Amino acid sequence: MSRMSTPQDTPKDAAHDPAHHVDSPLVHGLKQRHLSMIALGGVIGAGLFVGSGAGIAAAGPSIVLAYAISGALVMLVMRMLGEMSAANPASGSFSVHAERAIGPWAGFTAGWGFWFLLCVAVGLEGIGAAKIMVGWFPDSPEWAWVALFMLVFCGANLTAVKNFGEFEFWFAALKVGAIALFLGIGVLAILGILPGSDVSAPGSDNLTGVGGFMPNGTDGLIIGLLASVFAYGGLETVTIAAAESEKPVQSVAKAVRTAMWRIAVFYVGSMLVVVTLLPWDNKEVVAKGPYVATLDHLGIPGAGQIMNVIVLIALLSAMNANIYGASRMSYSLIARGQGPKALGRIHSGVPRLAVLASSVFGFVCVLLSYWRPDDVFPWLLNMIGAMILVVWIFIAASQLILRRRTEREEPEKLVVKMWGYPVLTWVALAAMAYIFYLMTQQPDTRKQLLATGILTLILAAIGFARQKIAERAAVAAE
């Protein structure tokens, strides 16, 4: 190539991302049933089962409103991402879109920032899963369980992509089944007709009593809102996986179109069940997690162990999906000249070196949690604290630019369209800016914002420098 390709001068069929092409070295081994279940399971994480307890303790019954507001924002983001991914399916997803819309530095920043987020999350999920196993096997070392899980899922991702799809299919099926069962039990209990239970129908007592619907005022609602925003992270993986599906365009379109009811039922619905059945200030909501506390309240035998199994499945599912997402994101970046070429080699349709590098980095994060628990590891956690918001901002900015370009050049590719464009895109951007402002008002989230900001600026500076060097080299070669 005599000079660097830019979004303006690149031909329509240029290789922005190898996974975009039919003859891509990546294998299109994911079936529609894999994609459908990955999309369903992507919104059900350990944060929902356990972490939502802290949000309930802060916001009270208004946690339902917090999840509804943040859920609406996530739906807008997914619709934007779905529009771009259906028009141009790519394993680099939003990183590819940011590069096409804004420039290589934006793709570099969004892509490597997300890779860093996923790798640290892999480590956190491994630690969480290991703690559950140590609870069952007290004499076993925690690090050994983490290593075992890493080996299993690294191995699964080193083989054909369909193996990743099968793991996620069954993991997601179990999670969906568990939360559907919980919602069914909860609705029966709210109506006072749960068989074998002597708990009477609570009515609206827990929703409006004990301090009212918003017992801690707007401050509590804000804390709940911030907690709920980050619980939705992970939905983006389905647009990465869709590039390796049999029918990428149709798969993305279907996943995005079903996002609304998934969020409404799984998140908002389950929060409504919990705060209707239990007083929001019940100590067990935080101590045991809202789901275990609710099942215990209803007298469901073995509720704690049942939910431990479900949480373990959720953590292992997230590990598997994040290793996959990190490897495909790094592969896409490397294929676009945004990383070390050696890691971009494809073996049997799988970027195995990218899988290994992502897994190793995740395990290093685990080791840092043991070696440097008081300084380095907390800094790592803070750096990923607001990264998902940074990614969402890149998605919204890219959609604003690419929508106009696609309407002008290839309108037939707009299989999925953003609602109320461009008004709702600007509304989403304003909401993200407001969330950043809210983060500055809380001590813990202020630290996260600072650390994430530093990481983002470092990545942007590196990406911009690389872009300028490439542009100068291209001019010199002409």
Protein backbone atom coordinates (compact mmCIF):
# COMPACT_ATOMS: atom_id res chain seq x y z
CA MET A 1 0.00 0.00 0.00
CA SER A 2 1.56 3.24 -1.11
CA ARG A 3 -0.11 5.30 1.56
CA MET A 4 -2.28 4.92 4.60
CA SER A 5 -6.00 4.32 3.93
CA THR A 6 -8.38 6.74 5.53
CA PRO A 7 -12.14 6.44 5.96
CA GLN A 8 -12.64 9.02 3.20
CA ASP A 9 -10.42 7.51 0.52
CA THR A 10 -10.78 3.79 1.25
CA PRO A 11 -12.70 1.85 -1.39
CA LYS A 12 -15.98 0.33 -0.28
CA ASP A 13 -14.61 -3.19 -0.29
CA ALA A 14 -11.32 -2.39 1.43
CA ALA A 15 -10.26 -4.63 4.27
CA HIS A 16 -11.01 -2.59 7.32
CA ASP A 17 -11.26 -5.88 9.14
CA PRO A 18 -10.52 -9.36 7.78
CA ALA A 19 -13.61 -10.83 9.40
CA HIS A 20 -15.71 -8.61 7.15
CA HIS A 21 -14.84 -10.69 4.10
CA VAL A 22 -16.25 -14.01 2.98
CA ASP A 23 -12.72 -15.40 2.53
CA SER A 24 -11.69 -14.25 6.02
CA PRO A 25 -9.12 -16.49 7.73
CA LEU A 26 -11.52 -16.58 10.69
CA VAL A 27 -13.99 -19.47 10.43
CA HIS A 28 -17.72 -18.69 10.35
CA GLY A 29 -18.50 -21.49 12.81
CA LEU A 30 -21.17 -19.94 15.05
CA LYS A 31 -24.75 -20.98 14.36
CA GLN A 32 -27.83 -18.84 14.89
CA ARG A 33 -28.70 -20.76 18.07
CA HIS A 34 -25.23 -19.89 19.45
CA LEU A 35 -25.71 -16.19 18.68
CA SER A 36 -29.22 -16.12 20.08
CA MET A 37 -28.15 -17.64 23.38
CA ILE A 38 -24.96 -15.53 23.60
CA ALA A 39 -27.18 -12.47 23.18
CA LEU A 40 -29.56 -13.71 25.87
CA GLY A 41 -26.82 -14.72 28.29
CA GLY A 42 -24.77 -11.60 27.68
CA VAL A 43 -27.00 -9.52 29.93
CA ILE A 44 -26.97 -12.00 32.82
CA GLY A 45 -23.73 -11.71 34.80
CA ALA A 46 -22.56 -12.24 38.35
CA GLY A 47 -23.01 -8.48 38.87
CA LEU A 48 -26.77 -8.96 38.52
CA PHE A 49 -26.94 -11.92 40.90
CA VAL A 50 -24.68 -10.50 43.62
CA GLY A 51 -23.56 -6.91 42.96
CA SER A 52 -27.10 -5.54 42.62
CA GLY A 53 -27.50 -5.90 46.40
CA ALA A 54 -25.37 -2.80 47.04
CA GLY A 55 -27.49 -0.83 44.56
CA ILE A 56 -30.69 -1.86 46.37
CA ALA A 57 -29.18 -0.87 49.74
CA ALA A 58 -28.37 2.60 48.36
CA ALA A 59 -31.43 3.33 46.20
CA GLY A 60 -34.13 1.29 47.92
CA PRO A 61 -37.14 0.44 45.72
CA SER A 62 -36.04 3.17 43.28
CA ILE A 63 -33.35 0.71 42.09
CA VAL A 64 -36.07 -0.37 39.64
CA LEU A 65 -36.07 3.16 38.21
CA ALA A 66 -32.24 3.21 38.15
CA TYR A 67 -32.10 -0.03 36.14
CA ALA A 68 -34.85 1.19 33.82
CA ILE A 69 -33.00 4.47 33.08
CA SER A 70 -29.61 2.82 32.52
CA GLY A 71 -31.32 0.03 30.57
CA ALA A 72 -32.84 2.60 28.22
CA LEU A 73 -29.36 4.06 27.63
CA VAL A 74 -27.92 0.60 26.93
CA MET A 75 -30.71 -0.12 24.45
CA LEU A 76 -29.84 3.06 22.55
CA VAL A 77 -26.14 2.13 22.53
CA MET A 78 -26.89 -1.40 21.33
CA ARG A 79 -29.18 -0.05 18.60
CA MET A 80 -26.39 2.25 17.37
CA LEU A 81 -23.87 -0.59 17.49
CA GLY A 82 -26.33 -2.90 15.78
CA GLU A 83 -26.85 -0.41 12.94
CA MET A 84 -23.11 -0.19 12.25
CA SER A 85 -22.41 -3.91 12.78
CA ALA A 86 -25.24 -5.04 10.51
CA ALA A 87 -23.96 -2.68 7.80
CA ASN A 88 -20.33 -3.82 8.25
CA PRO A 89 -19.90 -6.99 10.37
CA ALA A 90 -16.36 -7.16 11.79
CA SER A 91 -14.62 -9.03 14.58
CA GLY A 92 -13.32 -5.66 15.79
CA SER A 93 -16.90 -4.34 16.10
CA PHE A 94 -16.95 -0.78 17.49
CA SER A 95 -13.16 -0.44 17.14
CA VAL A 96 -13.49 -0.92 13.37
CA HIS A 97 -16.44 1.49 13.25
CA ALA A 98 -14.50 4.13 15.24
CA GLU A 99 -11.53 3.79 12.87
CA ARG A 100 -13.76 4.18 9.82
CA ALA A 101 -15.65 7.12 11.28
CA ILE A 102 -13.08 9.10 13.27
CA GLY A 103 -9.64 7.76 12.38
CA PRO A 104 -7.10 5.03 13.27
CA TRP A 105 -6.32 6.64 16.65
CA ALA A 106 -9.96 6.24 17.72
CA GLY A 107 -10.06 2.57 16.69
CA PHE A 108 -6.78 2.01 18.56
CA THR A 109 -8.05 3.70 21.73
CA ALA A 110 -11.46 2.03 21.82
CA GLY A 111 -10.09 -1.40 20.83
CA TRP A 112 -7.14 -1.67 23.20
CA GLY A 113 -9.12 -0.03 26.01
CA PHE A 114 -11.82 -2.68 25.62
CA TRP A 115 -9.18 -5.44 25.40
CA PHE A 116 -7.66 -4.22 28.67
CA LEU A 117 -11.13 -4.14 30.27
CA LEU A 118 -11.91 -7.71 29.17
CA CYS A 119 -8.57 -9.13 30.31
CA VAL A 120 -8.83 -7.60 33.80
CA ALA A 121 -12.45 -8.81 33.96
CA VAL A 122 -11.28 -12.35 33.10
CA GLY A 123 -9.01 -12.22 36.14
CA LEU A 124 -11.76 -10.88 38.40
CA GLU A 125 -14.21 -13.54 37.24
CA GLY A 126 -11.59 -16.25 37.81
CA ILE A 127 -11.03 -15.02 41.37
CA GLY A 128 -14.78 -14.92 42.04
CA ALA A 129 -15.30 -18.44 40.70
CA ALA A 130 -12.31 -19.71 42.71
CA LYS A 131 -13.74 -18.28 45.95
CA ILE A 132 -16.94 -20.28 45.43
CA MET A 133 -14.90 -23.45 44.84
CA VAL A 134 -12.80 -22.84 47.97
CA GLY A 135 -16.06 -22.49 49.91
CA TRP A 136 -16.95 -26.01 48.77
CA PHE A 137 -13.40 -27.37 49.11
CA PRO A 138 -11.84 -25.40 52.02
CA ASP A 139 -8.39 -26.98 51.87
CA SER A 140 -7.80 -26.20 48.19
CA PRO A 141 -5.69 -23.19 47.10
CA GLU A 142 -7.61 -20.39 45.39
CA TRP A 143 -4.94 -19.74 42.74
CA ALA A 144 -5.11 -23.40 41.62
CA TRP A 145 -8.81 -23.07 40.79
CA VAL A 146 -8.16 -19.88 38.84
CA ALA A 147 -5.38 -21.62 36.90
CA LEU A 148 -7.67 -24.58 36.17
CA PHE A 149 -10.47 -22.35 34.86
CA MET A 150 -7.99 -20.36 32.78
CA LEU A 151 -6.61 -23.54 31.22
CA VAL A 152 -10.08 -24.91 30.43
CA PHE A 153 -11.38 -21.78 28.73
CA CYS A 154 -8.11 -20.88 27.09
CA GLY A 155 -8.10 -24.42 25.67
CA ALA A 156 -11.70 -24.11 24.51
CA ASN A 157 -10.92 -20.84 22.72
CA LEU A 158 -7.77 -22.28 21.13
CA THR A 159 -9.89 -24.82 19.26
CA ALA A 160 -12.62 -24.15 16.69
CA VAL A 161 -14.92 -21.21 17.39
CA LYS A 162 -17.89 -23.56 17.51
CA ASN A 163 -16.50 -24.91 20.82
CA PHE A 164 -16.71 -21.42 22.31
CA GLY A 165 -20.24 -21.22 20.94
CA GLU A 166 -21.24 -24.54 22.52
CA PHE A 167 -19.83 -23.56 25.93
CA GLU A 168 -21.70 -20.26 25.83
CA PHE A 169 -24.88 -21.87 24.54
CA TRP A 170 -25.19 -24.19 27.52
CA PHE A 171 -23.90 -21.66 30.07
CA ALA A 172 -26.39 -19.08 28.83
CA ALA A 173 -29.22 -21.64 28.73
CA LEU A 174 -28.63 -22.44 32.41
CA LYS A 175 -28.49 -18.74 33.38
CA VAL A 176 -31.63 -17.89 31.42
CA GLY A 177 -33.43 -20.89 32.90
CA ALA A 178 -32.40 -19.92 36.43
CA ILE A 179 -33.52 -16.31 36.19
CA ALA A 180 -36.76 -17.29 34.45
CA LEU A 181 -37.47 -19.72 37.30
CA PHE A 182 -36.68 -17.01 39.86
CA LEU A 183 -39.05 -14.58 38.13
CA GLY A 184 -41.78 -17.23 37.98
CA ILE A 185 -41.42 -18.04 41.70
CA GLY A 186 -41.32 -14.32 42.52
CA VAL A 187 -44.51 -13.50 40.60
CA LEU A 188 -46.38 -16.37 42.30
CA ALA A 189 -45.16 -15.15 45.71
CA ILE A 190 -46.20 -11.54 44.95
CA LEU A 191 -49.67 -12.83 44.06
CA GLY A 192 -49.69 -14.94 47.26
CA ILE A 193 -50.21 -18.24 45.41
CA LEU A 194 -46.73 -19.82 45.68
CA PRO A 195 -47.28 -23.51 46.49
CA GLY A 196 -45.79 -24.66 49.82
CA SER A 197 -45.06 -21.14 51.03
CA ASP A 198 -46.71 -19.44 53.98
CA VAL A 199 -45.55 -15.95 52.84
CA SER A 200 -48.58 -13.77 52.19
CA ALA A 201 -48.87 -11.38 49.24
CA PRO A 202 -46.86 -8.27 50.18
CA GLY A 203 -48.85 -5.80 48.13
CA SER A 204 -47.05 -2.47 47.84
CA ASP A 205 -45.87 -2.37 51.49
CA ASN A 206 -42.17 -2.85 50.66
CA LEU A 207 -42.31 -0.49 47.68
CA THR A 208 -43.81 2.50 49.48
CA GLY A 209 -43.14 1.76 53.16
CA VAL A 210 -39.82 1.91 55.04
CA GLY A 211 -38.95 5.42 53.85
CA GLY A 212 -40.96 5.39 50.63
CA PHE A 213 -40.02 4.56 47.04
CA MET A 214 -36.87 6.71 47.18
CA PRO A 215 -35.77 6.41 50.84
CA ASN A 216 -32.31 7.93 50.38
CA GLY A 217 -33.42 10.64 47.98
CA THR A 218 -31.71 11.45 44.72
CA ASP A 219 -28.27 10.64 46.19
CA GLY A 220 -29.30 7.03 46.70
CA LEU A 221 -30.84 6.89 43.23
CA ILE A 222 -27.60 8.21 41.71
CA ILE A 223 -25.52 5.53 43.46
CA GLY A 224 -27.95 2.89 42.22
CA LEU A 225 -27.83 4.37 38.72
CA LEU A 226 -24.03 4.22 38.58
CA ALA A 227 -24.04 0.63 39.83
CA SER A 228 -26.65 -0.39 37.27
CA VAL A 229 -24.87 1.23 34.30
CA PHE A 230 -21.77 -0.92 34.72
CA ALA A 231 -23.83 -4.08 35.30
CA TYR A 232 -24.85 -3.97 31.63
CA GLY A 233 -21.29 -4.31 30.29
CA GLY A 234 -20.85 -7.41 28.12
CA LEU A 235 -23.63 -6.94 25.60
CA GLU A 236 -21.06 -5.75 23.06
CA THR A 237 -19.56 -9.25 22.70
CA VAL A 238 -22.47 -10.45 20.59
CA THR A 239 -21.55 -8.02 17.79
CA ILE A 240 -17.96 -9.33 17.90
CA ALA A 241 -19.17 -12.94 17.74
CA ALA A 242 -21.64 -12.19 14.94
CA ALA A 243 -18.75 -11.65 12.52
CA GLU A 244 -17.95 -15.38 12.85
CA SER A 245 -21.53 -16.54 12.46
CA GLU A 246 -23.07 -18.18 9.41
CA LYS A 247 -25.21 -15.11 8.66
CA PRO A 248 -23.53 -12.07 10.26
CA VAL A 249 -25.99 -9.38 9.14
CA GLN A 250 -29.12 -11.29 10.14
CA SER A 251 -27.53 -12.40 13.45
CA VAL A 252 -26.68 -8.85 14.51
CA ALA A 253 -30.09 -7.55 13.51
CA LYS A 254 -31.92 -10.25 15.49
CA ALA A 255 -29.74 -9.82 18.61
CA VAL A 256 -30.26 -6.06 18.69
CA ARG A 257 -33.99 -6.24 18.09
CA THR A 258 -34.52 -8.53 21.07
CA ALA A 259 -32.36 -6.41 23.43
CA MET A 260 -35.31 -4.39 24.73
CA TRP A 261 -37.36 -7.22 26.23
CA ARG A 262 -34.24 -9.02 27.55
CA ILE A 263 -33.23 -5.96 29.56
CA ALA A 264 -36.80 -5.25 30.71
CA VAL A 265 -37.44 -8.82 31.86
CA PHE A 266 -34.09 -9.88 33.30
CA TYR A 267 -32.88 -6.72 35.00
CA VAL A 268 -35.84 -4.43 35.67
CA GLY A 269 -38.22 -7.36 36.25
CA SER A 270 -35.99 -9.17 38.73
CA MET A 271 -35.21 -5.97 40.66
CA LEU A 272 -38.97 -5.30 40.90
CA VAL A 273 -39.55 -8.82 42.26
CA VAL A 274 -36.82 -8.44 44.90
CA VAL A 275 -37.87 -5.04 46.27
CA THR A 276 -41.56 -6.03 46.22
CA LEU A 277 -40.97 -9.19 48.28
CA LEU A 278 -38.28 -7.89 50.65
CA PRO A 279 -37.79 -4.65 52.59
CA TRP A 280 -34.97 -2.79 50.83
CA ASP A 281 -33.05 -2.37 54.11
CA ASN A 282 -32.99 -6.10 54.85
CA LYS A 283 -29.35 -6.82 55.81
CA GLU A 284 -29.36 -10.12 53.93
CA VAL A 285 -29.89 -8.37 50.59
CA VAL A 286 -26.25 -7.22 50.71
CA ALA A 287 -24.82 -10.04 52.84
CA LYS A 288 -26.21 -12.92 50.76
CA GLY A 289 -27.16 -11.15 47.54
CA PRO A 290 -30.73 -10.18 46.59
CA TYR A 291 -31.62 -13.46 44.91
CA VAL A 292 -30.50 -15.72 47.75
CA ALA A 293 -32.13 -13.40 50.31
CA THR A 294 -35.41 -13.52 48.38
CA LEU A 295 -35.41 -17.30 48.00
CA ASP A 296 -34.52 -17.73 51.69
CA HIS A 297 -37.39 -15.40 52.62
CA LEU A 298 -39.76 -17.58 50.59
CA GLY A 299 -38.48 -20.72 52.31
CA ILE A 300 -36.95 -22.28 49.21
CA PRO A 301 -34.67 -25.08 50.55
CA GLY A 302 -30.98 -24.89 49.66
CA ALA A 303 -31.39 -21.43 48.09
CA GLY A 304 -27.85 -20.36 49.00
CA GLN A 305 -26.16 -23.34 47.34
CA ILE A 306 -28.48 -23.21 44.34
CA MET A 307 -27.53 -19.58 43.71
CA ASN A 308 -23.84 -20.33 44.32
CA VAL A 309 -24.02 -22.80 41.43
CA ILE A 310 -25.78 -20.22 39.23
CA VAL A 311 -23.26 -17.49 40.13
CA LEU A 312 -20.40 -19.91 39.39
CA ILE A 313 -21.94 -20.63 35.98
CA ALA A 314 -22.35 -16.90 35.35
CA LEU A 315 -18.69 -16.24 36.24
CA LEU A 316 -17.38 -19.10 34.10
CA SER A 317 -19.59 -18.00 31.21
CA ALA A 318 -18.20 -14.46 31.49
CA MET A 319 -14.61 -15.79 31.58
CA ASN A 320 -15.21 -17.79 28.42
CA ALA A 321 -16.89 -14.90 26.61
CA ASN A 322 -14.29 -12.34 27.68
CA ILE A 323 -11.32 -14.48 26.58
CA TYR A 324 -13.08 -14.85 23.23
CA GLY A 325 -13.91 -11.15 22.96
CA ALA A 326 -10.40 -10.04 23.98
CA SER A 327 -8.72 -12.39 21.48
CA ARG A 328 -10.94 -11.30 18.59
CA MET A 329 -10.58 -7.61 19.41
CA SER A 330 -6.78 -7.87 19.60
CA TYR A 331 -6.71 -9.94 16.38
CA SER A 332 -8.74 -7.31 14.57
CA LEU A 333 -6.48 -4.51 15.83
CA ILE A 334 -3.33 -6.39 14.78
CA ALA A 335 -4.81 -7.21 11.36
CA ARG A 336 -5.33 -3.46 10.88
CA GLY A 337 -1.71 -2.72 11.78
CA GLN A 338 -2.56 -1.57 15.31
CA GLY A 339 -0.51 -4.12 17.26
CA PRO A 340 2.32 -6.69 17.19
CA LYS A 341 2.06 -8.71 13.96
CA ALA A 342 3.26 -11.94 15.59
CA LEU A 343 0.06 -12.23 17.62
CA GLY A 344 -2.13 -11.97 14.51
CA ARG A 345 -1.32 -15.37 13.05
CA ILE A 346 -4.28 -17.64 12.34
CA HIS A 347 -4.15 -21.38 13.01
CA SER A 348 -7.09 -23.50 11.81
CA GLY A 349 -9.28 -20.42 11.67
CA VAL A 350 -8.42 -19.31 15.23
CA PRO A 351 -6.07 -16.47 16.33
CA ARG A 352 -4.38 -18.76 18.87
CA LEU A 353 -1.55 -16.44 19.87
CA ALA A 354 -4.08 -13.68 20.56
CA VAL A 355 -6.08 -16.13 22.70
CA LEU A 356 -2.92 -17.08 24.64
CA ALA A 357 -1.82 -13.46 25.11
CA SER A 358 -5.26 -12.42 26.39
CA SER A 359 -5.43 -15.39 28.79
CA VAL A 360 -1.91 -14.80 30.10
CA PHE A 361 -2.62 -11.11 30.73
CA GLY A 362 -5.78 -12.08 32.61
CA PHE A 363 -3.83 -14.52 34.77
CA VAL A 364 -1.17 -11.88 35.47
CA CYS A 365 -3.98 -9.68 36.82
CA VAL A 366 -4.93 -12.54 39.14
CA LEU A 367 -1.34 -12.87 40.37
CA LEU A 368 -1.21 -9.11 41.00
CA SER A 369 -4.27 -9.49 43.24
CA TYR A 370 -2.10 -11.75 45.44
CA TRP A 371 1.25 -10.01 45.02
CA ARG A 372 0.18 -6.34 45.09
CA PRO A 373 -3.33 -6.26 46.59
CA ASP A 374 -2.99 -2.80 48.12
CA ASP A 375 -1.59 -0.71 45.27
CA VAL A 376 -1.22 -2.17 41.75
CA PHE A 377 -4.37 -4.33 41.70
CA PRO A 378 -6.77 -1.59 42.93
CA TRP A 379 -5.27 0.73 40.30
CA LEU A 380 -6.03 -1.88 37.62
CA LEU A 381 -9.62 -2.10 38.83
CA ASN A 382 -9.99 1.67 38.80
CA MET A 383 -8.61 1.88 35.25
CA ILE A 384 -11.44 -0.29 33.93
CA GLY A 385 -14.04 1.42 36.14
CA ALA A 386 -15.44 3.74 33.46
CA MET A 387 -13.93 2.17 30.32
CA ILE A 388 -17.28 0.84 29.14
CA LEU A 389 -18.59 4.42 29.10
CA VAL A 390 -15.60 5.48 27.00
CA VAL A 391 -16.43 2.70 24.53
CA TRP A 392 -20.08 3.77 24.43
CA ILE A 393 -19.06 7.35 23.61
CA PHE A 394 -16.95 6.10 20.69
CA ILE A 395 -19.95 4.03 19.52
CA ALA A 396 -22.30 7.03 19.59
CA ALA A 397 -19.83 9.38 17.90
CA SER A 398 -19.09 6.78 15.20
CA GLN A 399 -22.79 6.19 14.53
CA LEU A 400 -23.43 9.90 14.01
CA ILE A 401 -20.73 10.01 11.32
CA LEU A 402 -21.23 6.61 9.66
CA ARG A 403 -25.01 6.92 9.40
CA ARG A 404 -24.69 9.98 7.17
CA ARG A 405 -21.97 8.32 5.09
CA THR A 406 -23.91 5.05 4.69
CA GLU A 407 -27.12 6.87 3.69
CA ARG A 408 -25.13 8.72 1.04
CA GLU A 409 -23.02 5.84 -0.31
CA GLU A 410 -24.67 2.48 0.54
CA PRO A 411 -28.23 3.00 1.87
CA GLU A 412 -29.10 -0.64 1.19
CA LYS A 413 -26.79 -1.64 4.08
CA LEU A 414 -29.01 0.04 6.69
CA VAL A 415 -30.74 -3.19 7.69
CA VAL A 416 -30.98 -1.98 11.30
CA LYS A 417 -31.63 1.71 11.90
CA MET A 418 -31.09 3.78 15.03
CA TRP A 419 -34.38 5.06 16.42
CA GLY A 420 -34.99 8.81 16.16
CA TYR A 421 -31.64 9.55 14.49
CA PRO A 422 -29.90 11.87 15.18
CA VAL A 423 -31.89 13.15 18.19
CA LEU A 424 -31.70 9.97 20.31
CA THR A 425 -27.99 9.57 19.54
CA TRP A 426 -27.37 13.06 20.95
CA VAL A 427 -29.63 12.25 23.92
CA ALA A 428 -27.51 9.16 24.63
CA LEU A 429 -24.28 11.19 24.41
CA ALA A 430 -25.72 13.79 26.80
CA ALA A 431 -26.72 11.00 29.22
CA MET A 432 -23.18 9.58 29.13
CA ALA A 433 -21.71 13.02 29.82
CA TYR A 434 -24.11 13.39 32.76
CA ILE A 435 -23.03 10.00 34.15
CA PHE A 436 -19.42 11.17 33.96
CA TYR A 437 -20.46 14.26 35.92
CA LEU A 438 -22.21 12.11 38.53
CA MET A 439 -19.05 10.02 38.88
CA THR A 440 -17.12 13.15 39.88
CA GLN A 441 -19.51 13.63 42.80
CA GLN A 442 -18.75 10.27 44.50
CA PRO A 443 -15.30 9.56 46.05
CA ASP A 444 -15.02 5.95 44.80
CA THR A 445 -16.23 6.64 41.28
CA ARG A 446 -14.09 9.81 41.13
CA LYS A 447 -10.98 7.62 41.51
CA GLN A 448 -12.24 5.30 38.78
CA LEU A 449 -12.89 8.23 36.47
CA LEU A 450 -9.39 9.61 37.02
CA ALA A 451 -7.66 6.26 36.42
CA THR A 452 -9.79 5.46 33.36
CA GLY A 453 -9.14 8.96 32.02
CA ILE A 454 -5.39 8.49 32.35
CA LEU A 455 -5.51 5.11 30.56
CA THR A 456 -7.70 6.57 27.78
CA LEU A 457 -5.40 9.55 27.27
CA ILE A 458 -2.31 7.31 27.13
CA LEU A 459 -3.95 5.04 24.53
CA ALA A 460 -5.19 8.03 22.51
CA ALA A 461 -1.71 9.61 22.54
CA ILE A 462 -0.09 6.36 21.38
CA GLY A 463 -2.76 5.86 18.71
CA PHE A 464 -2.48 9.44 17.46
CA ALA A 465 1.33 9.23 17.32
CA ARG A 466 1.13 5.96 15.36
CA GLN A 467 -1.38 7.52 12.99
CA LYS A 468 0.83 10.55 12.29
CA ILE A 469 3.92 8.36 11.77
CA ALA A 470 1.99 6.19 9.32
CA GLU A 471 0.69 9.25 7.47
CA ARG A 472 4.20 10.70 7.13
CA ALA A 473 5.54 7.37 5.94
CA ALA A 474 2.75 7.13 3.37
CA VAL A 475 3.46 10.63 2.05
CA ALA A 476 7.18 9.84 1.84
CA ALA A 477 6.44 6.68 -0.14
CA GLU A 478 4.44 8.53 -2.77
